[in-house]
């Protein structure tokens, strides 16, 4: 792993050293993963993106995430592709603008699955690379993440939502460097068919 001169100082909630990282794509996750590892945090990468259309696009993004994870010796979990069910959940929201009600519901669905998987694995903290994108609403992402962990029965330990702002501490600049270093596929739209630009 190539490292940058600047090491962002981050710490997971409760000092946890393993975090379940919901990952949308390799470009968005690259600098976040590096920063976690520089600070002694091991991310378990959770690829849960039933919104992505078409499946070929889903596979390309998954393969790039896998390539990056394997280069760093990290575990990646494919949550499987269920776009038909995602479409049913989005019924009535198809015409919503970006950062509208469809995006919020999409975040909630994906982060709920992330929180559920964290419970199964005994991982206490979750976060998402969605928060690195300037095209997404941080308020929506944090609302969805908080909602998702609150849906998980606490039992012995609650699942914690890590609301780190992944756009700060030089991570955006480092992201661009890593994209070049790995020659990552860099998509031109969010993922779902409703986000494809109609130019």
N, C-alpha and C. Protein backbone atom coordinates (compact mmCIF):
# COMPACT_ATOMS: atom_id res chain seq x y z
N UNK A 1 0.84 -1.20 0.00
CA UNK A 1 0.00 0.00 0.00
C UNK A 1 0.87 1.24 0.00
N UNK A 2 0.68 2.12 -0.96
CA UNK A 2 1.39 3.38 -0.96
C UNK A 2 0.73 4.30 0.05
N UNK A 3 1.55 5.07 0.75
CA UNK A 3 0.99 5.95 1.77
C UNK A 3 1.29 7.40 1.44
N UNK A 4 0.42 8.28 1.88
CA UNK A 4 0.65 9.70 1.70
C UNK A 4 1.42 10.25 2.89
N UNK A 5 1.96 11.45 2.73
CA UNK A 5 2.75 12.04 3.80
C UNK A 5 1.89 12.41 4.99
N UNK A 6 0.66 12.81 4.72
CA UNK A 6 -0.24 13.24 5.78
C UNK A 6 -1.05 12.05 6.27
N UNK A 7 -0.99 11.82 7.58
CA UNK A 7 -1.75 10.73 8.18
C UNK A 7 -2.92 11.33 8.95
N UNK A 8 -4.14 11.18 8.43
CA UNK A 8 -5.31 11.71 9.14
C UNK A 8 -5.46 11.03 10.50
N UNK A 9 -5.78 11.80 11.51
CA UNK A 9 -5.99 11.25 12.84
C UNK A 9 -7.48 10.95 13.03
N UNK A 10 -7.82 9.68 13.06
CA UNK A 10 -9.21 9.29 13.27
C UNK A 10 -9.27 8.20 14.33
N UNK A 11 -10.39 8.12 14.99
CA UNK A 11 -10.60 7.08 15.99
C UNK A 11 -12.05 6.63 15.93
N UNK A 12 -12.24 5.31 15.86
CA UNK A 12 -13.59 4.77 15.83
C UNK A 12 -14.25 4.93 17.19
N UNK A 13 -15.58 4.99 17.22
CA UNK A 13 -16.29 5.08 18.50
C UNK A 13 -15.89 3.95 19.44
N UNK A 14 -15.81 4.29 20.72
CA UNK A 14 -15.48 3.32 21.78
C UNK A 14 -14.10 2.70 21.59
N UNK A 15 -13.27 3.32 20.74
CA UNK A 15 -11.93 2.79 20.51
C UNK A 15 -11.90 1.45 19.79
N UNK A 16 -13.00 1.11 19.10
CA UNK A 16 -13.07 -0.18 18.38
C UNK A 16 -12.00 -0.24 17.29
N UNK A 17 -11.44 -1.41 17.09
CA UNK A 17 -10.38 -1.58 16.10
C UNK A 17 -10.84 -2.37 14.87
N UNK A 18 -12.09 -2.84 14.88
CA UNK A 18 -12.68 -3.47 13.71
C UNK A 18 -13.99 -2.75 13.40
N UNK A 19 -14.16 -2.38 12.14
CA UNK A 19 -15.34 -1.62 11.72
C UNK A 19 -15.91 -2.27 10.47
N UNK A 20 -17.25 -2.39 10.42
CA UNK A 20 -17.90 -2.85 9.20
C UNK A 20 -18.13 -1.63 8.31
N UNK A 21 -17.46 -1.62 7.17
CA UNK A 21 -17.50 -0.47 6.27
C UNK A 21 -18.38 -0.77 5.07
N UNK A 22 -19.57 -0.18 5.05
CA UNK A 22 -20.41 -0.29 3.86
C UNK A 22 -19.71 0.47 2.74
N UNK A 23 -19.48 -0.24 1.63
CA UNK A 23 -18.69 0.32 0.54
C UNK A 23 -19.51 0.37 -0.74
N UNK A 24 -19.52 1.56 -1.37
CA UNK A 24 -20.29 1.72 -2.60
C UNK A 24 -19.44 1.50 -3.84
N UNK A 25 -18.13 1.83 -3.76
CA UNK A 25 -17.24 1.66 -4.90
C UNK A 25 -15.81 1.83 -4.43
N UNK A 26 -14.86 1.42 -5.26
CA UNK A 26 -13.45 1.54 -4.90
C UNK A 26 -12.98 2.99 -4.79
N UNK A 27 -13.32 3.87 -5.75
CA UNK A 27 -12.86 5.26 -5.61
C UNK A 27 -13.29 5.91 -4.30
N UNK A 28 -14.55 5.73 -3.92
CA UNK A 28 -15.05 6.35 -2.68
C UNK A 28 -14.42 5.74 -1.43
N UNK A 29 -14.11 4.46 -1.48
CA UNK A 29 -13.61 3.78 -0.28
C UNK A 29 -12.11 3.87 -0.11
N UNK A 30 -11.38 4.16 -1.17
CA UNK A 30 -9.91 4.03 -1.17
C UNK A 30 -9.21 4.77 -0.04
N UNK A 31 -9.41 6.09 0.05
CA UNK A 31 -8.71 6.87 1.07
C UNK A 31 -9.25 6.60 2.47
N UNK A 32 -10.53 6.25 2.56
CA UNK A 32 -11.12 5.92 3.86
C UNK A 32 -10.47 4.66 4.43
N UNK A 33 -10.36 3.65 3.60
CA UNK A 33 -9.74 2.40 4.03
C UNK A 33 -8.29 2.64 4.44
N UNK A 34 -7.56 3.38 3.64
CA UNK A 34 -6.16 3.67 3.96
C UNK A 34 -6.05 4.40 5.30
N UNK A 35 -6.90 5.41 5.51
CA UNK A 35 -6.85 6.18 6.76
C UNK A 35 -7.18 5.30 7.96
N UNK A 36 -8.17 4.41 7.81
CA UNK A 36 -8.49 3.49 8.90
C UNK A 36 -7.27 2.64 9.26
N UNK A 37 -6.66 2.07 8.25
CA UNK A 37 -5.53 1.17 8.49
C UNK A 37 -4.34 1.92 9.09
N UNK A 38 -4.13 3.16 8.69
CA UNK A 38 -3.06 3.97 9.26
C UNK A 38 -3.27 4.23 10.74
N UNK A 39 -4.53 4.15 11.18
CA UNK A 39 -4.86 4.43 12.58
C UNK A 39 -5.21 3.16 13.36
N UNK A 40 -4.78 2.01 12.85
CA UNK A 40 -4.95 0.76 13.58
C UNK A 40 -6.35 0.19 13.55
N UNK A 41 -7.15 0.61 12.57
CA UNK A 41 -8.52 0.12 12.44
C UNK A 41 -8.59 -0.81 11.24
N UNK A 42 -9.15 -2.00 11.43
CA UNK A 42 -9.30 -2.96 10.34
C UNK A 42 -10.73 -2.89 9.81
N UNK A 43 -10.91 -2.42 8.58
CA UNK A 43 -12.26 -2.41 8.02
C UNK A 43 -12.61 -3.77 7.42
N UNK A 44 -13.79 -4.27 7.72
CA UNK A 44 -14.36 -5.41 7.01
C UNK A 44 -15.29 -4.78 5.97
N UNK A 45 -15.01 -5.02 4.71
CA UNK A 45 -15.69 -4.31 3.63
C UNK A 45 -16.99 -5.03 3.27
N UNK A 46 -18.08 -4.28 3.31
CA UNK A 46 -19.41 -4.85 3.05
C UNK A 46 -19.99 -4.20 1.81
N UNK A 47 -20.02 -4.95 0.72
CA UNK A 47 -20.49 -4.44 -0.56
C UNK A 47 -21.97 -4.76 -0.71
N UNK A 48 -22.80 -3.78 -0.37
CA UNK A 48 -24.26 -3.95 -0.39
C UNK A 48 -24.87 -2.82 -1.21
N UNK A 49 -25.10 -3.10 -2.50
CA UNK A 49 -25.54 -2.06 -3.42
C UNK A 49 -26.56 -2.57 -4.42
N UNK A 50 -27.75 -2.97 -3.96
CA UNK A 50 -28.77 -3.48 -4.87
C UNK A 50 -29.35 -2.40 -5.77
N UNK A 51 -29.00 -1.15 -5.50
CA UNK A 51 -29.47 -0.02 -6.30
C UNK A 51 -28.77 0.06 -7.65
N UNK A 52 -27.59 -0.51 -7.77
CA UNK A 52 -26.78 -0.30 -8.96
C UNK A 52 -27.39 -0.98 -10.18
N UNK A 53 -27.41 -0.25 -11.28
CA UNK A 53 -28.00 -0.73 -12.53
C UNK A 53 -27.11 -0.31 -13.69
N UNK A 54 -26.91 -1.21 -14.66
CA UNK A 54 -27.36 -2.62 -14.73
C UNK A 54 -26.41 -3.53 -13.94
N UNK A 55 -26.66 -4.84 -13.99
CA UNK A 55 -25.81 -5.75 -13.22
C UNK A 55 -24.36 -5.70 -13.67
N UNK A 56 -24.12 -5.43 -14.93
CA UNK A 56 -22.73 -5.32 -15.41
C UNK A 56 -21.99 -4.21 -14.66
N UNK A 57 -22.71 -3.11 -14.40
CA UNK A 57 -22.12 -2.01 -13.64
C UNK A 57 -21.85 -2.44 -12.20
N UNK A 58 -22.80 -3.16 -11.63
CA UNK A 58 -22.64 -3.69 -10.28
C UNK A 58 -21.38 -4.55 -10.18
N UNK A 59 -21.21 -5.43 -11.16
CA UNK A 59 -20.07 -6.36 -11.14
C UNK A 59 -18.75 -5.62 -11.31
N UNK A 60 -18.72 -4.63 -12.19
CA UNK A 60 -17.48 -3.87 -12.39
C UNK A 60 -17.06 -3.20 -11.08
N UNK A 61 -18.02 -2.55 -10.42
CA UNK A 61 -17.70 -1.85 -9.17
C UNK A 61 -17.30 -2.84 -8.08
N UNK A 62 -18.00 -3.96 -8.01
CA UNK A 62 -17.66 -4.98 -7.01
C UNK A 62 -16.25 -5.52 -7.26
N UNK A 63 -15.92 -5.78 -8.52
CA UNK A 63 -14.60 -6.31 -8.83
C UNK A 63 -13.49 -5.34 -8.50
N UNK A 64 -13.73 -4.05 -8.70
CA UNK A 64 -12.73 -3.05 -8.33
C UNK A 64 -12.56 -2.98 -6.81
N UNK A 65 -13.66 -3.06 -6.07
CA UNK A 65 -13.59 -3.10 -4.60
C UNK A 65 -12.81 -4.33 -4.14
N UNK A 66 -13.08 -5.45 -4.80
CA UNK A 66 -12.40 -6.70 -4.44
C UNK A 66 -10.91 -6.60 -4.72
N UNK A 67 -10.56 -6.04 -5.86
CA UNK A 67 -9.14 -5.88 -6.22
C UNK A 67 -8.41 -5.05 -5.17
N UNK A 68 -9.03 -3.96 -4.75
CA UNK A 68 -8.40 -3.10 -3.74
C UNK A 68 -8.30 -3.81 -2.40
N UNK A 69 -9.39 -4.46 -1.99
CA UNK A 69 -9.38 -5.17 -0.71
C UNK A 69 -8.30 -6.25 -0.68
N UNK A 70 -8.22 -7.03 -1.74
CA UNK A 70 -7.24 -8.11 -1.78
C UNK A 70 -5.81 -7.58 -1.79
N UNK A 71 -5.60 -6.42 -2.40
CA UNK A 71 -4.25 -5.84 -2.42
C UNK A 71 -3.80 -5.43 -1.02
N UNK A 72 -4.77 -5.20 -0.14
CA UNK A 72 -4.47 -4.78 1.24
C UNK A 72 -4.66 -5.90 2.25
N UNK A 73 -5.03 -7.09 1.77
CA UNK A 73 -5.24 -8.22 2.66
C UNK A 73 -6.50 -8.11 3.50
N UNK A 74 -7.52 -7.43 2.98
CA UNK A 74 -8.75 -7.20 3.73
C UNK A 74 -9.86 -8.12 3.25
N UNK A 75 -10.79 -8.38 4.14
CA UNK A 75 -11.95 -9.20 3.82
C UNK A 75 -13.03 -8.34 3.17
N UNK A 76 -13.65 -8.88 2.12
CA UNK A 76 -14.78 -8.19 1.49
C UNK A 76 -15.95 -9.16 1.38
N UNK A 77 -17.14 -8.68 1.74
CA UNK A 77 -18.36 -9.49 1.70
C UNK A 77 -19.27 -8.93 0.62
N UNK A 78 -19.72 -9.79 -0.28
CA UNK A 78 -20.69 -9.40 -1.30
C UNK A 78 -22.07 -9.74 -0.75
N UNK A 79 -22.90 -8.71 -0.55
CA UNK A 79 -24.23 -8.92 0.02
C UNK A 79 -25.24 -9.43 -1.00
N UNK A 80 -24.78 -9.68 -2.21
CA UNK A 80 -25.62 -10.21 -3.30
C UNK A 80 -26.47 -9.11 -3.92
N UNK A 81 -26.83 -9.35 -5.16
CA UNK A 81 -27.52 -8.36 -5.98
C UNK A 81 -29.01 -8.67 -6.05
N UNK A 82 -29.83 -7.76 -5.53
CA UNK A 82 -31.28 -7.97 -5.53
C UNK A 82 -31.94 -6.68 -6.01
N UNK A 83 -31.71 -6.35 -7.27
CA UNK A 83 -32.19 -5.09 -7.80
C UNK A 83 -33.71 -5.07 -7.94
N UNK A 84 -34.32 -6.21 -8.25
CA UNK A 84 -35.77 -6.25 -8.40
C UNK A 84 -36.48 -5.84 -7.11
N UNK A 85 -36.00 -6.36 -5.99
CA UNK A 85 -36.60 -6.00 -4.71
C UNK A 85 -36.35 -4.52 -4.39
N UNK A 86 -35.16 -4.04 -4.73
CA UNK A 86 -34.85 -2.62 -4.51
C UNK A 86 -35.83 -1.74 -5.29
N UNK A 87 -36.10 -2.12 -6.54
CA UNK A 87 -37.04 -1.35 -7.35
C UNK A 87 -38.44 -1.31 -6.72
N UNK A 88 -38.87 -2.46 -6.16
CA UNK A 88 -40.17 -2.49 -5.49
C UNK A 88 -40.20 -1.52 -4.31
N UNK A 89 -39.09 -1.49 -3.57
CA UNK A 89 -39.02 -0.59 -2.41
C UNK A 89 -39.04 0.88 -2.83
N UNK A 90 -38.59 1.17 -4.05
CA UNK A 90 -38.53 2.55 -4.52
C UNK A 90 -39.80 2.98 -5.25
N UNK A 91 -40.79 2.11 -5.30
CA UNK A 91 -42.04 2.44 -6.01
C UNK A 91 -42.63 3.75 -5.50
N UNK A 92 -42.93 4.63 -6.44
CA UNK A 92 -43.49 5.93 -6.10
C UNK A 92 -42.45 7.02 -5.92
N UNK A 93 -41.17 6.61 -5.86
CA UNK A 93 -40.10 7.58 -5.64
C UNK A 93 -39.21 7.75 -6.88
N UNK A 94 -39.63 7.17 -7.97
CA UNK A 94 -38.79 7.16 -9.17
C UNK A 94 -38.42 8.55 -9.67
N UNK A 95 -39.33 9.52 -9.51
CA UNK A 95 -39.10 10.86 -10.04
C UNK A 95 -38.48 11.81 -9.03
N UNK A 96 -38.14 11.30 -7.86
CA UNK A 96 -37.51 12.14 -6.84
C UNK A 96 -36.15 12.64 -7.35
N UNK A 97 -35.77 13.86 -7.00
CA UNK A 97 -34.46 14.37 -7.41
C UNK A 97 -33.34 13.73 -6.58
N UNK A 98 -32.13 13.87 -7.04
CA UNK A 98 -31.00 13.44 -6.23
C UNK A 98 -31.02 14.19 -4.90
N UNK A 99 -30.69 13.50 -3.82
CA UNK A 99 -30.75 14.01 -2.45
C UNK A 99 -32.19 14.14 -1.96
N UNK A 100 -33.13 13.52 -2.68
CA UNK A 100 -34.53 13.55 -2.28
C UNK A 100 -34.92 12.30 -1.51
N UNK A 101 -36.22 12.03 -1.48
CA UNK A 101 -36.75 10.92 -0.70
C UNK A 101 -36.27 9.56 -1.14
N UNK A 102 -36.02 9.37 -2.43
CA UNK A 102 -35.55 8.07 -2.92
C UNK A 102 -34.16 7.75 -2.35
N UNK A 103 -33.28 8.76 -2.37
CA UNK A 103 -31.93 8.54 -1.85
C UNK A 103 -31.96 8.17 -0.37
N UNK A 104 -32.79 8.89 0.40
CA UNK A 104 -32.87 8.59 1.83
C UNK A 104 -33.34 7.16 2.06
N UNK A 105 -34.37 6.74 1.35
CA UNK A 105 -34.88 5.38 1.53
C UNK A 105 -33.84 4.35 1.10
N UNK A 106 -33.14 4.63 0.01
CA UNK A 106 -32.08 3.74 -0.47
C UNK A 106 -30.98 3.60 0.57
N UNK A 107 -30.55 4.71 1.17
CA UNK A 107 -29.53 4.65 2.21
C UNK A 107 -30.01 3.81 3.39
N UNK A 108 -31.26 4.01 3.78
CA UNK A 108 -31.80 3.27 4.92
C UNK A 108 -31.79 1.76 4.66
N UNK A 109 -32.21 1.36 3.46
CA UNK A 109 -32.24 -0.07 3.14
C UNK A 109 -30.85 -0.68 3.19
N UNK A 110 -29.88 -0.02 2.60
CA UNK A 110 -28.53 -0.56 2.53
C UNK A 110 -27.84 -0.55 3.89
N UNK A 111 -28.05 0.50 4.66
CA UNK A 111 -27.40 0.57 5.97
C UNK A 111 -28.08 -0.31 7.00
N UNK A 112 -29.38 -0.58 6.83
CA UNK A 112 -30.03 -1.55 7.71
C UNK A 112 -29.43 -2.94 7.49
N UNK A 113 -29.22 -3.32 6.24
CA UNK A 113 -28.58 -4.61 5.96
C UNK A 113 -27.17 -4.65 6.52
N UNK A 114 -26.49 -3.52 6.47
CA UNK A 114 -25.14 -3.43 7.04
C UNK A 114 -25.18 -3.64 8.55
N UNK A 115 -26.11 -2.97 9.21
CA UNK A 115 -26.24 -3.12 10.67
C UNK A 115 -26.62 -4.55 11.05
N UNK A 116 -27.49 -5.16 10.26
CA UNK A 116 -27.88 -6.56 10.53
C UNK A 116 -26.69 -7.50 10.39
N UNK A 117 -25.89 -7.27 9.37
CA UNK A 117 -24.71 -8.13 9.18
C UNK A 117 -23.70 -7.90 10.31
N UNK A 118 -23.55 -6.65 10.75
CA UNK A 118 -22.64 -6.36 11.86
C UNK A 118 -23.06 -7.13 13.11
N UNK A 119 -24.36 -7.18 13.35
CA UNK A 119 -24.87 -7.95 14.49
C UNK A 119 -24.50 -9.42 14.35
N UNK A 120 -24.70 -9.97 13.14
CA UNK A 120 -24.37 -11.39 12.92
C UNK A 120 -22.89 -11.68 13.15
N UNK A 121 -22.04 -10.75 12.76
CA UNK A 121 -20.60 -10.95 12.86
C UNK A 121 -20.02 -10.53 14.21
N UNK A 122 -20.80 -9.87 15.02
CA UNK A 122 -20.28 -9.39 16.29
C UNK A 122 -19.39 -8.16 16.16
N UNK A 123 -19.62 -7.40 15.08
CA UNK A 123 -18.89 -6.14 14.87
C UNK A 123 -19.74 -5.01 15.42
N UNK A 124 -19.14 -4.16 16.20
CA UNK A 124 -19.92 -3.18 16.94
C UNK A 124 -20.16 -1.86 16.21
N UNK A 125 -19.27 -1.48 15.31
CA UNK A 125 -19.34 -0.16 14.67
C UNK A 125 -19.51 -0.30 13.17
N UNK A 126 -20.43 0.51 12.59
CA UNK A 126 -20.58 0.56 11.14
C UNK A 126 -20.44 2.00 10.66
N UNK A 127 -20.00 2.13 9.42
CA UNK A 127 -19.97 3.43 8.75
C UNK A 127 -20.06 3.15 7.25
N UNK A 128 -20.08 4.21 6.44
CA UNK A 128 -20.24 4.02 5.00
C UNK A 128 -19.38 4.98 4.18
N UNK A 129 -18.93 4.49 3.03
CA UNK A 129 -18.16 5.33 2.11
C UNK A 129 -19.06 6.31 1.37
N UNK A 130 -20.37 6.13 1.45
CA UNK A 130 -21.29 7.08 0.82
C UNK A 130 -21.02 8.50 1.32
N UNK A 131 -20.55 8.60 2.56
CA UNK A 131 -20.33 9.91 3.17
C UNK A 131 -19.14 10.64 2.56
N UNK A 132 -18.39 9.99 1.67
CA UNK A 132 -17.25 10.66 1.05
C UNK A 132 -17.64 11.43 -0.21
N UNK A 133 -18.82 11.14 -0.73
CA UNK A 133 -19.23 11.73 -2.01
C UNK A 133 -19.86 13.10 -1.81
N UNK A 134 -19.36 14.09 -2.55
CA UNK A 134 -19.94 15.44 -2.47
C UNK A 134 -21.31 15.50 -3.11
N UNK A 135 -21.70 14.44 -3.83
CA UNK A 135 -23.01 14.42 -4.47
C UNK A 135 -24.11 13.94 -3.51
N UNK A 136 -23.69 13.45 -2.35
CA UNK A 136 -24.65 12.92 -1.38
C UNK A 136 -24.83 13.88 -0.21
N UNK A 137 -25.99 13.78 0.42
CA UNK A 137 -26.28 14.62 1.58
C UNK A 137 -25.78 13.92 2.85
N UNK A 138 -24.85 14.58 3.55
CA UNK A 138 -24.36 14.01 4.81
C UNK A 138 -25.49 13.88 5.82
N UNK A 139 -26.40 14.84 5.82
CA UNK A 139 -27.53 14.78 6.76
C UNK A 139 -28.37 13.54 6.49
N UNK A 140 -28.64 13.25 5.23
CA UNK A 140 -29.42 12.05 4.89
C UNK A 140 -28.68 10.78 5.29
N UNK A 141 -27.39 10.74 5.02
CA UNK A 141 -26.60 9.55 5.34
C UNK A 141 -26.59 9.30 6.84
N UNK A 142 -26.37 10.35 7.62
CA UNK A 142 -26.35 10.19 9.07
C UNK A 142 -27.74 9.85 9.63
N UNK A 143 -28.78 10.41 9.02
CA UNK A 143 -30.14 10.05 9.43
C UNK A 143 -30.39 8.57 9.16
N UNK A 144 -29.97 8.10 7.99
CA UNK A 144 -30.18 6.69 7.63
C UNK A 144 -29.36 5.77 8.51
N UNK A 145 -28.11 6.15 8.78
CA UNK A 145 -27.26 5.31 9.62
C UNK A 145 -27.77 5.20 11.04
N UNK A 146 -28.20 6.32 11.60
CA UNK A 146 -28.75 6.32 12.96
C UNK A 146 -30.03 5.49 13.01
N UNK A 147 -30.88 5.67 12.01
CA UNK A 147 -32.13 4.89 11.92
C UNK A 147 -31.83 3.40 11.86
N UNK A 148 -30.83 3.03 11.04
CA UNK A 148 -30.52 1.60 10.84
C UNK A 148 -30.05 0.94 12.13
N UNK A 149 -29.13 1.57 12.85
CA UNK A 149 -28.63 0.93 14.07
C UNK A 149 -29.70 0.87 15.14
N UNK A 150 -30.62 1.83 15.14
CA UNK A 150 -31.70 1.82 16.12
C UNK A 150 -32.74 0.73 15.84
N UNK A 151 -32.71 0.17 14.63
CA UNK A 151 -33.60 -0.93 14.29
C UNK A 151 -33.07 -2.28 14.79
N UNK A 152 -31.83 -2.31 15.24
CA UNK A 152 -31.22 -3.56 15.71
C UNK A 152 -31.42 -3.68 17.22
N UNK A 153 -32.06 -4.76 17.69
CA UNK A 153 -32.23 -4.94 19.14
C UNK A 153 -30.87 -4.93 19.84
N UNK A 154 -30.74 -4.19 20.94
CA UNK A 154 -29.44 -4.04 21.58
C UNK A 154 -28.86 -5.32 22.17
N UNK A 155 -29.70 -6.18 22.73
CA UNK A 155 -29.21 -7.41 23.38
C UNK A 155 -28.04 -7.05 24.30
N UNK A 156 -26.85 -7.65 24.07
CA UNK A 156 -25.74 -7.36 24.98
C UNK A 156 -25.06 -6.04 24.65
N UNK A 157 -24.88 -5.76 23.36
CA UNK A 157 -24.22 -4.53 22.95
C UNK A 157 -24.94 -3.94 21.75
N UNK A 158 -25.09 -2.64 21.74
CA UNK A 158 -25.73 -1.97 20.62
C UNK A 158 -24.75 -1.85 19.45
N UNK A 159 -25.31 -1.76 18.25
CA UNK A 159 -24.52 -1.41 17.09
C UNK A 159 -24.41 0.11 17.05
N UNK A 160 -23.21 0.62 16.78
CA UNK A 160 -22.96 2.06 16.82
C UNK A 160 -22.76 2.59 15.41
N UNK A 161 -23.42 3.70 15.11
CA UNK A 161 -23.23 4.38 13.83
C UNK A 161 -22.09 5.38 13.96
N UNK A 162 -21.08 5.25 13.12
CA UNK A 162 -19.92 6.15 13.13
C UNK A 162 -20.17 7.25 12.10
N UNK A 163 -20.45 8.45 12.57
CA UNK A 163 -20.83 9.54 11.67
C UNK A 163 -19.64 10.40 11.26
N UNK A 164 -18.51 9.78 11.03
CA UNK A 164 -17.30 10.49 10.61
C UNK A 164 -17.54 11.22 9.28
N UNK A 165 -17.05 12.46 9.19
CA UNK A 165 -17.10 13.19 7.92
C UNK A 165 -15.86 12.81 7.11
N UNK A 166 -16.06 11.94 6.13
CA UNK A 166 -14.94 11.41 5.34
C UNK A 166 -14.52 12.35 4.21
N UNK A 167 -15.00 13.58 4.22
CA UNK A 167 -14.60 14.55 3.19
C UNK A 167 -13.49 15.47 3.68
N UNK A 168 -13.12 15.34 4.96
CA UNK A 168 -12.14 16.25 5.55
C UNK A 168 -10.78 15.57 5.72
N UNK A 169 -9.84 16.31 6.30
CA UNK A 169 -8.50 15.81 6.64
C UNK A 169 -7.70 15.34 5.42
N UNK A 170 -7.93 15.97 4.28
CA UNK A 170 -7.14 15.63 3.10
C UNK A 170 -7.54 14.36 2.39
N UNK A 171 -8.66 13.76 2.81
CA UNK A 171 -9.04 12.47 2.23
C UNK A 171 -9.51 12.61 0.78
N UNK A 172 -10.13 13.73 0.43
CA UNK A 172 -10.56 13.92 -0.95
C UNK A 172 -9.35 13.97 -1.89
N UNK A 173 -8.31 14.68 -1.48
CA UNK A 173 -7.10 14.78 -2.30
C UNK A 173 -6.41 13.42 -2.41
N UNK A 174 -6.34 12.71 -1.28
CA UNK A 174 -5.70 11.40 -1.29
C UNK A 174 -6.48 10.41 -2.14
N UNK A 175 -7.79 10.53 -2.13
CA UNK A 175 -8.65 9.67 -2.95
C UNK A 175 -8.26 9.79 -4.42
N UNK A 176 -8.07 11.02 -4.90
CA UNK A 176 -7.70 11.23 -6.30
C UNK A 176 -6.36 10.59 -6.62
N UNK A 177 -5.43 10.64 -5.67
CA UNK A 177 -4.12 10.03 -5.88
C UNK A 177 -4.23 8.51 -5.99
N UNK A 178 -5.02 7.91 -5.11
CA UNK A 178 -5.15 6.44 -5.13
C UNK A 178 -5.86 5.97 -6.39
N UNK A 179 -6.86 6.72 -6.84
CA UNK A 179 -7.56 6.37 -8.08
C UNK A 179 -6.55 6.27 -9.23
N UNK A 180 -5.60 7.21 -9.28
CA UNK A 180 -4.58 7.18 -10.33
C UNK A 180 -3.61 6.02 -10.12
N UNK A 181 -3.20 5.80 -8.87
CA UNK A 181 -2.25 4.74 -8.57
C UNK A 181 -2.77 3.36 -8.97
N UNK A 182 -4.06 3.12 -8.71
CA UNK A 182 -4.67 1.83 -9.00
C UNK A 182 -5.40 1.79 -10.34
N UNK A 183 -5.47 2.94 -11.00
CA UNK A 183 -6.20 3.04 -12.26
C UNK A 183 -7.62 2.48 -12.11
N UNK A 184 -8.31 2.94 -11.07
CA UNK A 184 -9.66 2.46 -10.79
C UNK A 184 -10.64 2.91 -11.86
N UNK A 185 -11.61 2.04 -12.12
CA UNK A 185 -12.78 2.44 -12.90
C UNK A 185 -13.52 3.49 -12.08
N UNK A 186 -13.81 4.63 -12.70
CA UNK A 186 -14.47 5.73 -11.98
C UNK A 186 -15.79 6.04 -12.67
N UNK A 187 -16.88 5.62 -12.05
CA UNK A 187 -18.20 5.71 -12.66
C UNK A 187 -18.66 7.15 -12.84
N UNK A 188 -19.63 7.33 -13.73
CA UNK A 188 -20.12 8.66 -14.07
C UNK A 188 -21.50 8.96 -13.48
N UNK A 189 -22.06 8.00 -12.74
CA UNK A 189 -23.36 8.23 -12.11
C UNK A 189 -23.43 7.45 -10.81
N UNK A 190 -24.38 7.83 -9.98
CA UNK A 190 -24.50 7.26 -8.63
C UNK A 190 -24.60 5.74 -8.66
N UNK A 191 -25.51 5.23 -9.47
CA UNK A 191 -25.67 3.78 -9.49
C UNK A 191 -27.00 3.31 -10.04
N UNK A 192 -28.09 3.91 -9.57
CA UNK A 192 -29.41 3.45 -10.03
C UNK A 192 -29.77 4.07 -11.36
N UNK A 193 -30.73 3.46 -12.03
CA UNK A 193 -31.13 3.96 -13.34
C UNK A 193 -31.72 5.36 -13.29
N UNK A 194 -32.25 5.73 -12.12
CA UNK A 194 -32.86 7.06 -11.99
C UNK A 194 -31.82 8.17 -11.84
N UNK A 195 -30.57 7.78 -11.56
CA UNK A 195 -29.51 8.78 -11.38
C UNK A 195 -28.67 8.98 -12.62
N UNK A 196 -28.92 8.19 -13.67
CA UNK A 196 -28.15 8.34 -14.90
C UNK A 196 -28.52 9.67 -15.54
N UNK A 197 -27.53 10.44 -15.86
CA UNK A 197 -27.77 11.76 -16.43
C UNK A 197 -28.42 11.64 -17.80
N UNK A 198 -29.47 12.39 -17.98
CA UNK A 198 -30.20 12.37 -19.25
C UNK A 198 -29.76 13.56 -20.12
N UNK A 199 -28.50 13.58 -20.50
CA UNK A 199 -27.96 14.69 -21.29
C UNK A 199 -28.32 14.50 -22.77
